[in-house]
PDB file of N, CA and C in Angstrom:
ATOM      1  N   UNK A   1       0.810  -1.187   0.000  1.00  0.00           N
ATOM      2  CA  UNK A   1       0.000   0.000   0.000  1.00  0.00           C
ATOM      3  C   UNK A   1       0.859   1.259   0.000  1.00  0.00           C
ATOM      4  N   UNK A   2       1.877   1.257   0.861  1.00  0.00           N
ATOM      5  CA  UNK A   2       2.751   2.422   0.913  1.00  0.00           C
ATOM      6  C   UNK A   2       3.478   2.622  -0.403  1.00  0.00           C
ATOM      7  N   UNK A   3       3.839   1.577  -1.043  1.00  0.00           N
ATOM      8  CA  UNK A   3       4.537   1.668  -2.314  1.00  0.00           C
ATOM      9  C   UNK A   3       3.686   2.327  -3.387  1.00  0.00           C
ATOM     10  N   UNK A   4       2.389   2.020  -3.386  1.00  0.00           N
ATOM     11  CA  UNK A   4       1.482   2.625  -4.372  1.00  0.00           C
ATOM     12  C   UNK A   4       1.322   4.119  -4.111  1.00  0.00           C
ATOM     13  N   UNK A   5       1.209   4.509  -2.832  1.00  0.00           N
ATOM     14  CA  UNK A   5       1.074   5.932  -2.498  1.00  0.00           C
ATOM     15  C   UNK A   5       2.330   6.689  -2.904  1.00  0.00           C
ATOM     16  N   UNK A   6       3.463   6.067  -2.619  1.00  0.00           N
ATOM     17  CA  UNK A   6       4.725   6.708  -2.965  1.00  0.00           C
ATOM     18  C   UNK A   6       4.833   6.869  -4.477  1.00  0.00           C
ATOM     19  N   UNK A   7       4.424   5.829  -5.206  1.00  0.00           N
ATOM     20  CA  UNK A   7       4.470   5.873  -6.669  1.00  0.00           C
ATOM     21  C   UNK A   7       3.528   6.951  -7.205  1.00  0.00           C
ATOM     22  N   UNK A   8       2.313   7.071  -6.642  1.00  0.00           N
ATOM     23  CA  UNK A   8       1.348   8.101  -7.064  1.00  0.00           C
ATOM     24  C   UNK A   8       1.925   9.491  -6.808  1.00  0.00           C
ATOM     25  N   UNK A   9       2.507   9.639  -5.607  1.00  0.00           N
ATOM     26  CA  UNK A   9       3.080  10.934  -5.249  1.00  0.00           C
ATOM     27  C   UNK A   9       4.214  11.289  -6.211  1.00  0.00           C
ATOM     28  N   UNK A  10       5.070  10.324  -6.521  1.00  0.00           N
ATOM     29  CA  UNK A  10       6.189  10.558  -7.424  1.00  0.00           C
ATOM     30  C   UNK A  10       5.687  10.942  -8.816  1.00  0.00           C
ATOM     31  N   UNK A  11       4.669  10.232  -9.304  1.00  0.00           N
ATOM     32  CA  UNK A  11       4.096  10.561 -10.621  1.00  0.00           C
ATOM     33  C   UNK A  11       3.461  11.947 -10.610  1.00  0.00           C
ATOM     34  N   UNK A  12       2.789  12.250  -9.517  1.00  0.00           N
ATOM     35  CA  UNK A  12       2.154  13.563  -9.377  1.00  0.00           C
ATOM     36  C   UNK A  12       3.223  14.665  -9.417  1.00  0.00           C
ATOM     37  N   UNK A  13       4.314  14.462  -8.680  1.00  0.00           N
ATOM     38  CA  UNK A  13       5.402  15.443  -8.669  1.00  0.00           C
ATOM     39  C   UNK A  13       6.044  15.564 -10.047  1.00  0.00           C
ATOM     40  N   UNK A  14       6.192  14.448 -10.741  1.00  0.00           N
ATOM     41  CA  UNK A  14       6.774  14.483 -12.079  1.00  0.00           C
ATOM     42  C   UNK A  14       5.892  15.276 -13.037  1.00  0.00           C
ATOM     43  N   UNK A  15       4.578  15.089 -12.925  1.00  0.00           N
ATOM     44  CA  UNK A  15       3.653  15.847 -13.782  1.00  0.00           C
ATOM     45  C   UNK A  15       3.788  17.344 -13.519  1.00  0.00           C
ATOM     46  N   UNK A  16       3.835  17.712 -12.239  1.00  0.00           N
ATOM     47  CA  UNK A  16       3.973  19.134 -11.899  1.00  0.00           C
ATOM     48  C   UNK A  16       5.304  19.686 -12.388  1.00  0.00           C
ATOM     49  N   UNK A  17       6.354  18.877 -12.232  1.00  0.00           N
ATOM     50  CA  UNK A  17       7.674  19.307 -12.679  1.00  0.00           C
ATOM     51  C   UNK A  17       7.679  19.472 -14.201  1.00  0.00           C
ATOM     52  N   UNK A  18       7.030  18.569 -14.909  1.00  0.00           N
ATOM     53  CA  UNK A  18       6.974  18.647 -16.371  1.00  0.00           C
ATOM     54  C   UNK A  18       6.210  19.908 -16.802  1.00  0.00           C
ATOM     55  N   UNK A  19       5.089  20.197 -16.155  1.00  0.00           N
ATOM     56  CA  UNK A  19       4.318  21.400 -16.466  1.00  0.00           C
ATOM     57  C   UNK A  19       5.166  22.643 -16.196  1.00  0.00           C
ATOM     58  N   UNK A  20       5.867  22.643 -15.074  1.00  0.00           N
ATOM     59  CA  UNK A  20       6.726  23.775 -14.741  1.00  0.00           C
ATOM     60  C   UNK A  20       7.829  23.955 -15.782  1.00  0.00           C
ATOM     61  N   UNK A  21       8.441  22.862 -16.211  1.00  0.00           N
ATOM     62  CA  UNK A  21       9.531  22.938 -17.181  1.00  0.00           C
ATOM     63  C   UNK A  21       9.029  23.445 -18.534  1.00  0.00           C
ATOM     64  N   UNK A  22       7.854  23.002 -18.940  1.00  0.00           N
ATOM     65  CA  UNK A  22       7.275  23.488 -20.200  1.00  0.00           C
ATOM     66  C   UNK A  22       6.983  24.985 -20.079  1.00  0.00           C
ATOM     67  N   UNK A  23       6.396  25.387 -18.965  1.00  0.00           N
ATOM     68  CA  UNK A  23       6.098  26.797 -18.727  1.00  0.00           C
ATOM     69  C   UNK A  23       7.388  27.624 -18.751  1.00  0.00           C
ATOM     70  N   UNK A  24       8.418  27.140 -18.063  1.00  0.00           N
ATOM     71  CA  UNK A  24       9.697  27.851 -18.022  1.00  0.00           C
ATOM     72  C   UNK A  24      10.312  27.949 -19.421  1.00  0.00           C
ATOM     73  N   UNK A  25      10.230  26.887 -20.202  1.00  0.00           N
ATOM     74  CA  UNK A  25      10.783  26.908 -21.557  1.00  0.00           C
ATOM     75  C   UNK A  25      10.055  27.926 -22.423  1.00  0.00           C
ATOM     76  N   UNK A  26       8.735  27.978 -22.290  1.00  0.00           N
ATOM     77  CA  UNK A  26       7.955  28.948 -23.061  1.00  0.00           C
ATOM     78  C   UNK A  26       8.331  30.371 -22.655  1.00  0.00           C
ATOM     79  N   UNK A  27       8.463  30.613 -21.363  1.00  0.00           N
ATOM     80  CA  UNK A  27       8.814  31.953 -20.892  1.00  0.00           C
ATOM     81  C   UNK A  27      10.214  32.352 -21.371  1.00  0.00           C
ATOM     82  N   UNK A  28      11.150  31.415 -21.349  1.00  0.00           N
ATOM     83  CA  UNK A  28      12.505  31.708 -21.819  1.00  0.00           C
ATOM     84  C   UNK A  28      12.475  32.011 -23.317  1.00  0.00           C
ATOM     85  N   UNK A  29      11.711  31.220 -24.064  1.00  0.00           N
ATOM     86  CA  UNK A  29      11.612  31.449 -25.504  1.00  0.00           C
ATOM     87  C   UNK A  29      11.007  32.819 -25.793  1.00  0.00           C
ATOM     88  N   UNK A  30       9.985  33.185 -25.053  1.00  0.00           N
ATOM     89  CA  UNK A  30       9.368  34.501 -25.259  1.00  0.00           C
ATOM     90  C   UNK A  30      10.340  35.614 -24.898  1.00  0.00           C
ATOM     91  N   UNK A  31      11.100  35.427 -23.850  1.00  0.00           N
ATOM     92  CA  UNK A  31      12.100  36.417 -23.461  1.00  0.00           C
ATOM     93  C   UNK A  31      13.165  36.554 -24.525  1.00  0.00           C
ATOM     94  N   UNK A  32      13.544  35.442 -25.141  1.00  0.00           N
ATOM     95  CA  UNK A  32      14.529  35.480 -26.212  1.00  0.00           C
ATOM     96  C   UNK A  32      14.025  36.242 -27.407  1.00  0.00           C
ATOM     97  N   UNK A  33      12.768  36.054 -27.742  1.00  0.00           N
ATOM     98  CA  UNK A  33      12.167  36.776 -28.870  1.00  0.00           C
ATOM     99  C   UNK A  33      12.113  38.259 -28.547  1.00  0.00           C
ATOM    100  N   UNK A  34      11.733  38.586 -27.317  1.00  0.00           N
ATOM    101  CA  UNK A  34      11.671  39.989 -26.927  1.00  0.00           C
ATOM    102  C   UNK A  34      13.044  40.629 -26.990  1.00  0.00           C
ATOM    103  N   UNK A  35      14.072  39.901 -26.565  1.00  0.00           N
ATOM    104  CA  UNK A  35      15.417  40.446 -26.587  1.00  0.00           C
ATOM    105  C   UNK A  35      15.877  40.690 -28.022  1.00  0.00           C
ATOM    106  N   UNK A  36      15.510  39.801 -28.933  1.00  0.00           N
ATOM    107  CA  UNK A  36      15.886  39.981 -30.337  1.00  0.00           C
ATOM    108  C   UNK A  36      15.186  41.201 -30.906  1.00  0.00           C
ATOM    109  N   UNK A  37      13.896  41.359 -30.618  1.00  0.00           N
ATOM    110  CA  UNK A  37      13.153  42.508 -31.132  1.00  0.00           C
ATOM    111  C   UNK A  37      13.666  43.814 -30.549  1.00  0.00           C
ATOM    112  N   UNK A  38      14.110  43.781 -29.305  1.00  0.00           N
ATOM    113  CA  UNK A  38      14.593  44.999 -28.664  1.00  0.00           C
ATOM    114  C   UNK A  38      15.876  45.490 -29.316  1.00  0.00           C
ATOM    115  N   UNK A  39      16.684  44.584 -29.856  1.00  0.00           N
ATOM    116  CA  UNK A  39      17.939  45.010 -30.458  1.00  0.00           C
ATOM    117  C   UNK A  39      17.738  45.547 -31.871  1.00  0.00           C
ATOM    118  N   UNK A  40      16.604  45.286 -32.474  1.00  0.00           N
ATOM    119  CA  UNK A  40      16.324  45.777 -33.821  1.00  0.00           C
ATOM    120  C   UNK A  40      15.694  47.158 -33.734  1.00  0.00           C
ATOM    121  N   UNK A  41      16.504  48.152 -33.412  1.00  0.00           N
ATOM    122  CA  UNK A  41      15.998  49.508 -33.266  1.00  0.00           C
ATOM    123  C   UNK A  41      15.777  50.138 -34.637  1.00  0.00           C
ATOM    124  N   UNK A  42      14.771  50.983 -34.687  1.00  0.00           N
ATOM    125  CA  UNK A  42      14.590  51.758 -35.906  1.00  0.00           C
ATOM    126  C   UNK A  42      15.588  52.907 -35.859  1.00  0.00           C
ATOM    127  N   UNK A  43      16.189  53.215 -36.967  1.00  0.00           N
ATOM    128  CA  UNK A  43      17.191  54.281 -36.967  1.00  0.00           C
ATOM    129  C   UNK A  43      16.552  55.631 -36.635  1.00  0.00           C
ATOM    130  N   UNK A  44      17.336  56.482 -36.013  1.00  0.00           N
ATOM    131  CA  UNK A  44      16.853  57.822 -35.669  1.00  0.00           C
ATOM    132  C   UNK A  44      16.650  58.617 -36.949  1.00  0.00           C
ATOM    133  N   UNK A  45      15.556  59.352 -36.995  1.00  0.00           N
ATOM    134  CA  UNK A  45      15.266  60.170 -38.174  1.00  0.00           C
ATOM    135  C   UNK A  45      15.325  61.634 -37.754  1.00  0.00           C
ATOM    136  N   UNK A  46      15.957  62.424 -38.600  1.00  0.00           N
ATOM    137  CA  UNK A  46      16.154  63.842 -38.335  1.00  0.00           C
ATOM    138  C   UNK A  46      15.205  64.660 -39.198  1.00  0.00           C
ATOM    139  N   UNK A  47      14.693  65.732 -38.603  1.00  0.00           N
ATOM    140  CA  UNK A  47      13.763  66.600 -39.324  1.00  0.00           C
ATOM    141  C   UNK A  47      14.532  67.754 -39.957  1.00  0.00           C
ATOM    142  N   UNK A  48      14.266  67.958 -41.241  1.00  0.00           N
ATOM    143  CA  UNK A  48      14.897  69.033 -41.994  1.00  0.00           C
ATOM    144  C   UNK A  48      13.825  69.828 -42.736  1.00  0.00           C
ATOM    145  N   UNK A  49      14.257  70.933 -43.302  1.00  0.00           N
ATOM    146  CA  UNK A  49      13.368  71.783 -44.098  1.00  0.00           C
ATOM    147  C   UNK A  49      14.049  72.078 -45.422  1.00  0.00           C
ATOM    148  N   UNK A  50      13.245  72.164 -46.454  1.00  0.00           N
ATOM    149  CA  UNK A  50      13.778  72.540 -47.756  1.00  0.00           C
ATOM    150  C   UNK A  50      12.825  73.540 -48.404  1.00  0.00           C
ATOM    151  N   UNK A  51      13.335  74.253 -49.391  1.00  0.00           N
ATOM    152  CA  UNK A  51      12.532  75.242 -50.107  1.00  0.00           C
ATOM    153  C   UNK A  51      12.066  74.639 -51.428  1.00  0.00           C
ATOM    154  N   UNK A  52      10.803  74.827 -51.721  1.00  0.00           N
ATOM    155  CA  UNK A  52      10.212  74.304 -52.956  1.00  0.00           C
ATOM    156  C   UNK A  52       9.683  75.477 -53.765  1.00  0.00           C
ATOM    157  N   UNK A  53      10.076  75.529 -55.028  1.00  0.00           N
ATOM    158  CA  UNK A  53       9.589  76.551 -55.955  1.00  0.00           C
ATOM    159  C   UNK A  53       8.206  76.119 -56.450  1.00  0.00           C
ATOM    160  N   UNK A  54       7.254  77.032 -56.433  1.00  0.00           N
ATOM    161  CA  UNK A  54       5.888  76.735 -56.853  1.00  0.00           C
ATOM    162  C   UNK A  54       5.769  76.947 -58.362  1.00  0.00           C
ATOM    163  N   UNK A  55       5.655  75.833 -59.104  1.00  0.00           N
ATOM    164  CA  UNK A  55       5.461  75.869 -60.556  1.00  0.00           C
ATOM    165  C   UNK A  55       4.003  76.184 -60.888  1.00  0.00           C
ATOM    166  N   UNK A  56       3.724  76.321 -62.172  1.00  0.00           N
ATOM    167  CA  UNK A  56       2.356  76.621 -62.613  1.00  0.00           C
ATOM    168  C   UNK A  56       1.348  75.554 -62.173  1.00  0.00           C
ATOM    169  N   UNK A  57       1.713  74.303 -62.328  1.00  0.00           N
ATOM    170  CA  UNK A  57       0.776  73.224 -62.014  1.00  0.00           C
ATOM    171  C   UNK A  57       0.893  72.714 -60.578  1.00  0.00           C
ATOM    172  N   UNK A  58       1.727  73.327 -59.771  1.00  0.00           N
ATOM    173  CA  UNK A  58       1.953  72.844 -58.406  1.00  0.00           C
ATOM    174  C   UNK A  58       0.741  73.113 -57.519  1.00  0.00           C
ATOM    175  N   UNK A  59       0.422  72.126 -56.721  1.00  0.00           N
ATOM    176  CA  UNK A  59      -0.632  72.275 -55.709  1.00  0.00           C
ATOM    177  C   UNK A  59      -0.041  71.856 -54.369  1.00  0.00           C
ATOM    178  N   UNK A  60      -0.637  72.327 -53.320  1.00  0.00           N
ATOM    179  CA  UNK A  60      -0.179  71.949 -51.994  1.00  0.00           C
ATOM    180  C   UNK A  60      -0.311  70.442 -51.814  1.00  0.00           C
ATOM    181  N   UNK A  61      -1.362  69.866 -52.361  1.00  0.00           N
ATOM    182  CA  UNK A  61      -1.577  68.421 -52.270  1.00  0.00           C
ATOM    183  C   UNK A  61      -0.421  67.658 -52.940  1.00  0.00           C
ATOM    184  N   UNK A  62      -0.050  68.044 -54.173  1.00  0.00           N
ATOM    185  CA  UNK A  62       1.020  67.342 -54.894  1.00  0.00           C
ATOM    186  C   UNK A  62       2.378  67.498 -54.204  1.00  0.00           C
ATOM    187  N   UNK A  63       2.662  68.689 -53.739  1.00  0.00           N
ATOM    188  CA  UNK A  63       3.923  68.902 -53.022  1.00  0.00           C
ATOM    189  C   UNK A  63       3.937  68.077 -51.741  1.00  0.00           C
ATOM    190  N   UNK A  64       2.816  68.058 -51.053  1.00  0.00           N
ATOM    191  CA  UNK A  64       2.727  67.294 -49.804  1.00  0.00           C
ATOM    192  C   UNK A  64       2.893  65.803 -50.061  1.00  0.00           C
ATOM    193  N   UNK A  65       2.294  65.293 -51.136  1.00  0.00           N
ATOM    194  CA  UNK A  65       2.445  63.874 -51.474  1.00  0.00           C
ATOM    195  C   UNK A  65       3.908  63.519 -51.697  1.00  0.00           C
ATOM    196  N   UNK A  66       4.663  64.447 -52.252  1.00  0.00           N
ATOM    197  CA  UNK A  66       6.062  64.187 -52.551  1.00  0.00           C
ATOM    198  C   UNK A  66       6.934  64.159 -51.285  1.00  0.00           C
ATOM    199  N   UNK A  67       6.640  65.004 -50.312  1.00  0.00           N
ATOM    200  CA  UNK A  67       7.514  65.157 -49.149  1.00  0.00           C
ATOM    201  C   UNK A  67       6.998  64.519 -47.861  1.00  0.00           C
ATOM    202  N   UNK A  68       5.739  64.111 -47.796  1.00  0.00           N
ATOM    203  CA  UNK A  68       5.198  63.551 -46.560  1.00  0.00           C
ATOM    204  C   UNK A  68       5.909  62.237 -46.223  1.00  0.00           C
ATOM    205  N   UNK A  69       6.111  61.982 -44.931  1.00  0.00           N
ATOM    206  CA  UNK A  69       6.756  60.758 -44.471  1.00  0.00           C
ATOM    207  C   UNK A  69       5.887  60.095 -43.403  1.00  0.00           C
ATOM    208  N   UNK A  70       6.314  58.941 -42.951  1.00  0.00           N
ATOM    209  CA  UNK A  70       5.533  58.162 -41.983  1.00  0.00           C
ATOM    210  C   UNK A  70       5.398  58.839 -40.623  1.00  0.00           C
ATOM    211  N   UNK A  71       6.145  59.878 -40.375  1.00  0.00           N
ATOM    212  CA  UNK A  71       6.044  60.581 -39.099  1.00  0.00           C
ATOM    213  C   UNK A  71       4.705  61.296 -38.947  1.00  0.00           C
ATOM    214  N   UNK A  72       4.011  61.501 -40.047  1.00  0.00           N
ATOM    215  CA  UNK A  72       2.726  62.199 -40.030  1.00  0.00           C
ATOM    216  C   UNK A  72       1.590  61.180 -40.067  1.00  0.00           C
ATOM    217  N   UNK A  73       0.499  61.485 -39.379  1.00  0.00           N
ATOM    218  CA  UNK A  73      -0.641  60.568 -39.338  1.00  0.00           C
ATOM    219  C   UNK A  73      -1.299  60.431 -40.701  1.00  0.00           C
ATOM    220  N   UNK A  74      -1.333  61.512 -41.449  1.00  0.00           N
ATOM    221  CA  UNK A  74      -1.880  61.474 -42.808  1.00  0.00           C
ATOM    222  C   UNK A  74      -1.412  62.716 -43.572  1.00  0.00           C
ATOM    223  N   UNK A  75      -1.760  62.784 -44.824  1.00  0.00           N
ATOM    224  CA  UNK A  75      -1.295  63.887 -45.664  1.00  0.00           C
ATOM    225  C   UNK A  75      -1.890  65.228 -45.224  1.00  0.00           C
ATOM    226  N   UNK A  76      -3.103  65.199 -44.678  1.00  0.00           N
ATOM    227  CA  UNK A  76      -3.732  66.444 -44.200  1.00  0.00           C
ATOM    228  C   UNK A  76      -2.929  67.051 -43.054  1.00  0.00           C
ATOM    229  N   UNK A  77      -2.430  66.207 -42.149  1.00  0.00           N
ATOM    230  CA  UNK A  77      -1.611  66.699 -41.034  1.00  0.00           C
ATOM    231  C   UNK A  77      -0.346  67.364 -41.569  1.00  0.00           C
ATOM    232  N   UNK A  78       0.239  66.761 -42.583  1.00  0.00           N
ATOM    233  CA  UNK A  78       1.437  67.338 -43.206  1.00  0.00           C
ATOM    234  C   UNK A  78       1.100  68.675 -43.859  1.00  0.00           C
ATOM    235  N   UNK A  79       0.001  68.723 -44.593  1.00  0.00           N
ATOM    236  CA  UNK A  79      -0.405  69.966 -45.262  1.00  0.00           C
ATOM    237  C   UNK A  79      -0.653  71.069 -44.235  1.00  0.00           C
ATOM    238  N   UNK A  80      -1.257  70.709 -43.117  1.00  0.00           N
ATOM    239  CA  UNK A  80      -1.505  71.711 -42.065  1.00  0.00           C
ATOM    240  C   UNK A  80      -0.191  72.288 -41.535  1.00  0.00           C
ATOM    241  N   UNK A  81       0.821  71.419 -41.389  1.00  0.00           N
ATOM    242  CA  UNK A  81       2.112  71.923 -40.919  1.00  0.00           C
ATOM    243  C   UNK A  81       2.756  72.838 -41.962  1.00  0.00           C
ATOM    244  N   UNK A  82       2.682  72.463 -43.232  1.00  0.00           N
ATOM    245  CA  UNK A  82       3.239  73.299 -44.300  1.00  0.00           C
ATOM    246  C   UNK A  82       2.539  74.657 -44.316  1.00  0.00           C
ATOM    247  N   UNK A  83       1.225  74.650 -44.178  1.00  0.00           N
ATOM    248  CA  UNK A  83       0.479  75.923 -44.162  1.00  0.00           C
ATOM    249  C   UNK A  83       0.896  76.765 -42.962  1.00  0.00           C
ATOM    250  N   UNK A  84       1.093  76.126 -41.822  1.00  0.00           N
ATOM    251  CA  UNK A  84       1.494  76.861 -40.619  1.00  0.00           C
ATOM    252  C   UNK A  84       2.883  77.469 -40.775  1.00  0.00           C
ATOM    253  N   UNK A  85       3.815  76.699 -41.280  1.00  0.00           N
ATOM    254  CA  UNK A  85       5.194  77.173 -41.468  1.00  0.00           C
ATOM    255  C   UNK A  85       5.229  78.377 -42.407  1.00  0.00           C
ATOM    256  N   UNK A  86       4.410  78.331 -43.456  1.00  0.00           N
ATOM    257  CA  UNK A  86       4.425  79.368 -44.493  1.00  0.00           C
ATOM    258  C   UNK A  86       3.356  80.436 -44.298  1.00  0.00           C
ATOM    259  N   UNK A  87       2.662  80.391 -43.190  1.00  0.00           N
ATOM    260  CA  UNK A  87       1.617  81.367 -42.868  1.00  0.00           C
ATOM    261  C   UNK A  87       0.551  81.444 -43.960  1.00  0.00           C
ATOM    262  N   UNK A  88       0.148  80.277 -44.445  1.00  0.00           N
ATOM    263  CA  UNK A  88      -0.899  80.204 -45.471  1.00  0.00           C
ATOM    264  C   UNK A  88      -2.245  80.030 -44.789  1.00  0.00           C
ATOM    265  N   UNK A  89      -3.256  80.691 -45.310  1.00  0.00           N
ATOM    266  CA  UNK A  89      -4.594  80.581 -44.721  1.00  0.00           C
ATOM    267  C   UNK A  89      -5.444  79.518 -45.406  1.00  0.00           C
ATOM    268  N   UNK A  90      -5.034  79.122 -46.622  1.00  0.00           N
ATOM    269  CA  UNK A  90      -5.763  78.063 -47.329  1.00  0.00           C
ATOM    270  C   UNK A  90      -4.780  77.218 -48.133  1.00  0.00           C
ATOM    271  N   UNK A  91      -5.296  76.302 -48.957  1.00  0.00           N
ATOM    272  CA  UNK A  91      -4.447  75.370 -49.712  1.00  0.00           C
ATOM    273  C   UNK A  91      -3.912  75.952 -51.024  1.00  0.00           C
ATOM    274  N   UNK A  92      -4.264  77.172 -51.336  1.00  0.00           N
ATOM    275  CA  UNK A  92      -3.860  77.756 -52.621  1.00  0.00           C
ATOM    276  C   UNK A  92      -2.428  78.270 -52.561  1.00  0.00           C
ATOM    277  N   UNK A  93      -1.685  77.943 -53.621  1.00  0.00           N
ATOM    278  CA  UNK A  93      -0.303  78.410 -53.735  1.00  0.00           C
ATOM    279  C   UNK A  93      -0.202  79.384 -54.894  1.00  0.00           C
ATOM    280  N   UNK A  94       0.690  80.330 -54.764  1.00  0.00           N
ATOM    281  CA  UNK A  94       0.855  81.335 -55.808  1.00  0.00           C
ATOM    282  C   UNK A  94       2.065  80.974 -56.668  1.00  0.00           C
ATOM    283  N   UNK A  95       1.825  80.886 -57.980  1.00  0.00           N
ATOM    284  CA  UNK A  95       2.878  80.567 -58.941  1.00  0.00           C
ATOM    285  C   UNK A  95       4.045  81.532 -58.794  1.00  0.00           C
ATOM    286  N   UNK A  96       5.264  80.970 -58.834  1.00  0.00           N
ATOM    287  CA  UNK A  96       6.464  81.802 -58.786  1.00  0.00           C
ATOM    288  C   UNK A  96       6.992  82.044 -57.382  1.00  0.00           C
ATOM    289  N   UNK A  97       6.254  81.639 -56.368  1.00  0.00           N
ATOM    290  CA  UNK A  97       6.744  81.825 -55.000  1.00  0.00           C
ATOM    291  C   UNK A  97       7.482  80.565 -54.542  1.00  0.00           C
ATOM    292  N   UNK A  98       8.057  80.659 -53.379  1.00  0.00           N
ATOM    293  CA  UNK A  98       8.726  79.511 -52.761  1.00  0.00           C
ATOM    294  C   UNK A  98       8.065  79.237 -51.422  1.00  0.00           C
ATOM    295  N   UNK A  99       7.979  77.943 -51.082  1.00  0.00           N
ATOM    296  CA  UNK A  99       7.464  77.576 -49.769  1.00  0.00           C
ATOM    297  C   UNK A  99       8.475  76.666 -49.076  1.00  0.00           C
ATOM    298  N   UNK A 100       8.427  76.689 -47.784  1.00  0.00           N
ATOM    299  CA  UNK A 100       9.293  75.852 -46.970  1.00  0.00           C
ATOM    300  C   UNK A 100       8.512  74.594 -46.590  1.00  0.00           C
ATOM    301  N   UNK A 101       9.114  73.408 -46.786  1.00  0.00           N
ATOM    302  CA  UNK A 101       8.444  72.157 -46.434  1.00  0.00           C
ATOM    303  C   UNK A 101       9.366  71.305 -45.555  1.00  0.00           C
ATOM    304  N   UNK A 102       8.805  70.630 -44.557  1.00  0.00           N
ATOM    305  CA  UNK A 102       9.608  69.748 -43.717  1.00  0.00           C
ATOM    306  C   UNK A 102       9.738  68.364 -44.342  1.00  0.00           C
ATOM    307  N   UNK A 103      10.806  67.682 -44.004  1.00  0.00           N
ATOM    308  CA  UNK A 103      10.968  66.276 -44.402  1.00  0.00           C
ATOM    309  C   UNK A 103      11.882  65.603 -43.387  1.00  0.00           C
ATOM    310  N   UNK A 104      11.837  64.291 -43.336  1.00  0.00           N
ATOM    311  CA  UNK A 104      12.659  63.524 -42.410  1.00  0.00           C
ATOM    312  C   UNK A 104      13.654  62.672 -43.178  1.00  0.00           C
ATOM    313  N   UNK A 105      14.812  62.461 -42.561  1.00  0.00           N
ATOM    314  CA  UNK A 105      15.851  61.641 -43.168  1.00  0.00           C
ATOM    315  C   UNK A 105      16.629  60.924 -42.075  1.00  0.00           C
ATOM    316  N   UNK A 106      17.136  59.722 -42.386  1.00  0.00           N
ATOM    317  CA  UNK A 106      17.989  59.000 -41.441  1.00  0.00           C
ATOM    318  C   UNK A 106      19.396  59.579 -41.460  1.00  0.00           C
ATOM    319  N   UNK A 107      19.725  60.298 -42.511  1.00  0.00           N
ATOM    320  CA  UNK A 107      21.058  60.879 -42.649  1.00  0.00           C
ATOM    321  C   UNK A 107      21.178  62.129 -41.792  1.00  0.00           C
ATOM    322  N   UNK A 108      22.253  62.209 -41.028  1.00  0.00           N
ATOM    323  CA  UNK A 108      22.501  63.399 -40.227  1.00  0.00           C
ATOM    324  C   UNK A 108      23.263  64.407 -41.079  1.00  0.00           C
ATOM    325  N   UNK A 109      22.715  65.592 -41.200  1.00  0.00           N
ATOM    326  CA  UNK A 109      23.346  66.640 -42.003  1.00  0.00           C
ATOM    327  C   UNK A 109      23.735  67.770 -41.057  1.00  0.00           C
ATOM    328  N   UNK A 110      24.982  68.106 -41.045  1.00  0.00           N
ATOM    329  CA  UNK A 110      25.409  69.184 -40.146  1.00  0.00           C
ATOM    330  C   UNK A 110      25.482  70.516 -40.817  1.00  0.00           C
TER     331      UNK A 110
END
C-alpha cells in the first residue's frame, strides 16, 4: 500500500515538474524573442526643411504627397504643418513663389 502511495506521489510530482519545465521553456523562448526585437531599433530620423519653388501646375496636395513621411498621421496633417510654417490661410499656392516644407531623413546633415 505504501509503495502505491509513494508511486502516485512521485508521478504527481513528475507531472507538476513537467508542467513547470514546459512553462519555463515557453517563458525563456518569449524572453529570447523579446530580446531579439529589442535590439532591432529603428534608426533615428532627423527633421529638416527645404525650399520648394511653386510651378504653374503645383498644388499643396502634390507637393505634400512628394515630401510627406511616416512621421505624419496622414497627408492632411502634413499639409496643415506646411500651411502653418508658411503662414498660409488656405491650400492655394501662388505661382512663382517659394514655400518651406519639412521632411525627415535617417542621414545626419550638419
